[in-house]
Amino acid sequence: MDEKGKGAWIAAMVLGFIFFWPVGLALLAYMIWSKRMFTGKSCARRGKARMMTTRSTGNSAFDAYKADTLRRLEEEQHNFEAFLERLRDAKDKAEFDQFMDERAKRSDGDTAEA
């Protein structure tokens, strides 16, 4: 099956799960253990892309521009994550305030009936 590629292994695993799940599970374990799923062009590309962001091109102006752009993007990402955190906090506070208001109304209604 190696000459047919990853697709054949994945198809065999899916069929194994469909017809008899232990076979599919065994194939999945074998593919992970033998690293058949994680060796290939896509994994190599990821490692190469990571290396390209830190490697110097030899052009100091471009390297400075790249470093500044990456720093700016990281800062924007940090600001956006902080913004999302503030939104979540505001939503949580609004939901809690609504809960407390409903609880106060229920307890007011209970005391008025008594």
C-alpha atoms as a PDB file:
ATOM      1  CA  MET A   1       0.000   0.000   0.000  1.00  0.00           C
ATOM      2  CA  ASP A   2       2.981   2.341   0.425  1.00  0.00           C
ATOM      3  CA  GLU A   3       3.283   2.823  -3.332  1.00  0.00           C
ATOM      4  CA  LYS A   4      -0.352   4.002  -3.490  1.00  0.00           C
ATOM      5  CA  GLY A   5       0.315   6.726  -0.911  1.00  0.00           C
ATOM      6  CA  LYS A   6      -1.447   8.162   2.115  1.00  0.00           C
ATOM      7  CA  GLY A   7      -4.836   8.015   0.445  1.00  0.00           C
ATOM      8  CA  ALA A   8      -4.730   4.215   0.317  1.00  0.00           C
ATOM      9  CA  TRP A   9      -3.816   4.010   3.991  1.00  0.00           C
ATOM     10  CA  ILE A  10      -6.601   6.412   4.938  1.00  0.00           C
ATOM     11  CA  ALA A  11      -9.130   4.527   2.789  1.00  0.00           C
ATOM     12  CA  ALA A  12      -8.073   1.222   4.385  1.00  0.00           C
ATOM     13  CA  MET A  13      -8.422   2.741   7.841  1.00  0.00           C
ATOM     14  CA  VAL A  14     -11.908   4.146   7.097  1.00  0.00           C
ATOM     15  CA  LEU A  15     -13.049   0.825   5.636  1.00  0.00           C
ATOM     16  CA  GLY A  16     -11.599  -0.920   8.670  1.00  0.00           C
ATOM     17  CA  PHE A  17     -13.667   1.305  10.956  1.00  0.00           C
ATOM     18  CA  ILE A  18     -16.790   0.704   8.856  1.00  0.00           C
ATOM     19  CA  PHE A  19     -16.562  -3.086   8.676  1.00  0.00           C
ATOM     20  CA  PHE A  20     -14.816  -3.984  11.922  1.00  0.00           C
ATOM     21  CA  TRP A  21     -13.727  -1.122  14.181  1.00  0.00           C
ATOM     22  CA  PRO A  22     -10.719  -2.865  15.799  1.00  0.00           C
ATOM     23  CA  VAL A  23      -9.123  -3.183  12.342  1.00  0.00           C
ATOM     24  CA  GLY A  24      -9.567   0.539  11.717  1.00  0.00           C
ATOM     25  CA  LEU A  25      -8.171   1.341  15.131  1.00  0.00           C
ATOM     26  CA  ALA A  26      -5.188  -0.943  14.548  1.00  0.00           C
ATOM     27  CA  LEU A  27      -4.477   0.718  11.195  1.00  0.00           C
ATOM     28  CA  LEU A  28      -4.728   4.165  12.757  1.00  0.00           C
ATOM     29  CA  ALA A  29      -2.324   3.173  15.533  1.00  0.00           C
ATOM     30  CA  TYR A  30       0.079   1.675  12.990  1.00  0.00           C
ATOM     31  CA  MET A  31       0.002   4.802  10.809  1.00  0.00           C
ATOM     32  CA  ILE A  32       0.709   7.055  13.802  1.00  0.00           C
ATOM     33  CA  TRP A  33       3.372   4.750  15.264  1.00  0.00           C
ATOM     34  CA  SER A  34       5.178   4.321  11.938  1.00  0.00           C
ATOM     35  CA  LYS A  35       4.844   8.053  11.241  1.00  0.00           C
ATOM     36  CA  ARG A  36       3.214   7.388   7.875  1.00  0.00           C
ATOM     37  CA  MET A  37       0.709  10.187   8.444  1.00  0.00           C
ATOM     38  CA  PHE A  38       3.256  12.822   9.388  1.00  0.00           C
ATOM     39  CA  THR A  39       5.954  12.425   6.783  1.00  0.00           C
ATOM     40  CA  GLY A  40       5.449  14.153   3.527  1.00  0.00           C
ATOM     41  CA  LYS A  41       5.533  17.357   1.627  1.00  0.00           C
ATOM     42  CA  SER A  42       3.037  19.259   3.794  1.00  0.00           C
ATOM     43  CA  CYS A  43       5.005  18.591   6.993  1.00  0.00           C
ATOM     44  CA  ALA A  44       8.264  19.496   5.298  1.00  0.00           C
ATOM     45  CA  ARG A  45       6.728  22.714   3.992  1.00  0.00           C
ATOM     46  CA  ARG A  46       5.622  23.728   7.479  1.00  0.00           C
ATOM     47  CA  GLY A  47       9.116  23.279   8.874  1.00  0.00           C
ATOM     48  CA  LYS A  48      10.624  25.115   5.923  1.00  0.00           C
ATOM     49  CA  ALA A  49       8.184  28.031   6.320  1.00  0.00           C
ATOM     50  CA  ARG A  50       9.143  28.357   9.986  1.00  0.00           C
ATOM     51  CA  MET A  51      12.794  28.379   9.058  1.00  0.00           C
ATOM     52  CA  MET A  52      12.224  31.030   6.356  1.00  0.00           C
ATOM     53  CA  THR A  53      10.766  33.537   8.837  1.00  0.00           C
ATOM     54  CA  THR A  54      13.897  33.507  10.997  1.00  0.00           C
ATOM     55  CA  ARG A  55      16.559  33.158   8.326  1.00  0.00           C
ATOM     56  CA  SER A  56      18.335  36.247   7.042  1.00  0.00           C
ATOM     57  CA  THR A  57      18.047  37.020   3.352  1.00  0.00           C
ATOM     58  CA  GLY A  58      21.272  38.997   3.250  1.00  0.00           C
ATOM     59  CA  ASN A  59      19.414  42.197   2.376  1.00  0.00           C
ATOM     60  CA  SER A  60      19.447  44.258   5.558  1.00  0.00           C
ATOM     61  CA  ALA A  61      16.673  46.620   4.403  1.00  0.00           C
ATOM     62  CA  PHE A  62      14.341  43.727   3.624  1.00  0.00           C
ATOM     63  CA  ASP A  63      15.254  41.919   6.851  1.00  0.00           C
ATOM     64  CA  ALA A  64      14.471  45.085   8.837  1.00  0.00           C
ATOM     65  CA  TYR A  65      11.154  45.459   6.980  1.00  0.00           C
ATOM     66  CA  LYS A  66      10.309  41.800   7.596  1.00  0.00           C
ATOM     67  CA  ALA A  67      11.179  42.033  11.294  1.00  0.00           C
ATOM     68  CA  ASP A  68       9.115  45.222  11.666  1.00  0.00           C
ATOM     69  CA  THR A  69       6.154  43.679   9.841  1.00  0.00           C
ATOM     70  CA  LEU A  70       6.290  40.509  11.958  1.00  0.00           C
ATOM     71  CA  ARG A  71       6.545  42.584  15.144  1.00  0.00           C
ATOM     72  CA  ARG A  72       3.571  44.709  14.030  1.00  0.00           C
ATOM     73  CA  LEU A  73       1.511  41.617  13.192  1.00  0.00           C
ATOM     74  CA  GLU A  74       2.308  40.052  16.572  1.00  0.00           C
ATOM     75  CA  GLU A  75       1.283  43.293  18.272  1.00  0.00           C
ATOM     76  CA  GLU A  76      -1.977  43.387  16.286  1.00  0.00           C
ATOM     77  CA  GLN A  77      -2.630  39.766  17.218  1.00  0.00           C
ATOM     78  CA  HIS A  78      -2.026  40.565  20.883  1.00  0.00           C
ATOM     79  CA  ASN A  79      -4.345  43.608  20.688  1.00  0.00           C
ATOM     80  CA  PHE A  80      -7.043  41.556  18.958  1.00  0.00           C
ATOM     81  CA  GLU A  81      -6.800  38.784  21.573  1.00  0.00           C
ATOM     82  CA  ALA A  82      -7.064  41.422  24.318  1.00  0.00           C
ATOM     83  CA  PHE A  83     -10.113  42.883  22.549  1.00  0.00           C
ATOM     84  CA  LEU A  84     -11.746  39.449  22.369  1.00  0.00           C
ATOM     85  CA  GLU A  85     -11.020  38.912  26.068  1.00  0.00           C
ATOM     86  CA  ARG A  86     -12.680  42.247  26.909  1.00  0.00           C
ATOM     87  CA  LEU A  87     -15.696  41.255  24.797  1.00  0.00           C
ATOM     88  CA  ARG A  88     -15.962  37.920  26.616  1.00  0.00           C
ATOM     89  CA  ASP A  89     -15.664  39.663  29.987  1.00  0.00           C
ATOM     90  CA  ALA A  90     -18.360  42.194  29.026  1.00  0.00           C
ATOM     91  CA  LYS A  91     -20.659  39.405  27.808  1.00  0.00           C
ATOM     92  CA  ASP A  92     -20.070  37.408  31.010  1.00  0.00           C
ATOM     93  CA  LYS A  93     -20.790  40.498  33.123  1.00  0.00           C
ATOM     94  CA  ALA A  94     -23.974  41.274  31.171  1.00  0.00           C
ATOM     95  CA  GLU A  95     -25.189  37.674  31.557  1.00  0.00           C
ATOM     96  CA  PHE A  96     -24.382  37.705  35.273  1.00  0.00           C
ATOM     97  CA  ASP A  97     -26.153  41.046  35.748  1.00  0.00           C
ATOM     98  CA  GLN A  98     -29.190  39.686  33.897  1.00  0.00           C
ATOM     99  CA  PHE A  99     -29.184  36.600  36.130  1.00  0.00           C
ATOM    100  CA  MET A 100     -28.967  38.729  39.279  1.00  0.00           C
ATOM    101  CA  ASP A 101     -31.806  40.997  38.055  1.00  0.00           C
ATOM    102  CA  GLU A 102     -34.025  37.979  37.325  1.00  0.00           C
ATOM    103  CA  ARG A 103     -33.150  36.472  40.687  1.00  0.00           C
ATOM    104  CA  ALA A 104     -33.987  39.740  42.461  1.00  0.00           C
ATOM    105  CA  LYS A 105     -37.326  39.935  40.618  1.00  0.00           C
ATOM    106  CA  ARG A 106     -38.139  36.349  41.603  1.00  0.00           C
ATOM    107  CA  SER A 107     -37.275  36.964  45.227  1.00  0.00           C
ATOM    108  CA  ASP A 108     -39.322  40.208  45.195  1.00  0.00           C
ATOM    109  CA  GLY A 109     -42.230  38.278  43.716  1.00  0.00           C
ATOM    110  CA  ASP A 110     -41.896  35.584  46.376  1.00  0.00           C
ATOM    111  CA  THR A 111     -41.908  38.106  49.234  1.00  0.00           C
ATOM    112  CA  ALA A 112     -44.871  40.000  47.758  1.00  0.00           C
ATOM    113  CA  GLU A 113     -46.937  36.785  47.641  1.00  0.00           C
ATOM    114  CA  ALA A 114     -46.172  35.896  51.242  1.00  0.00           C
END
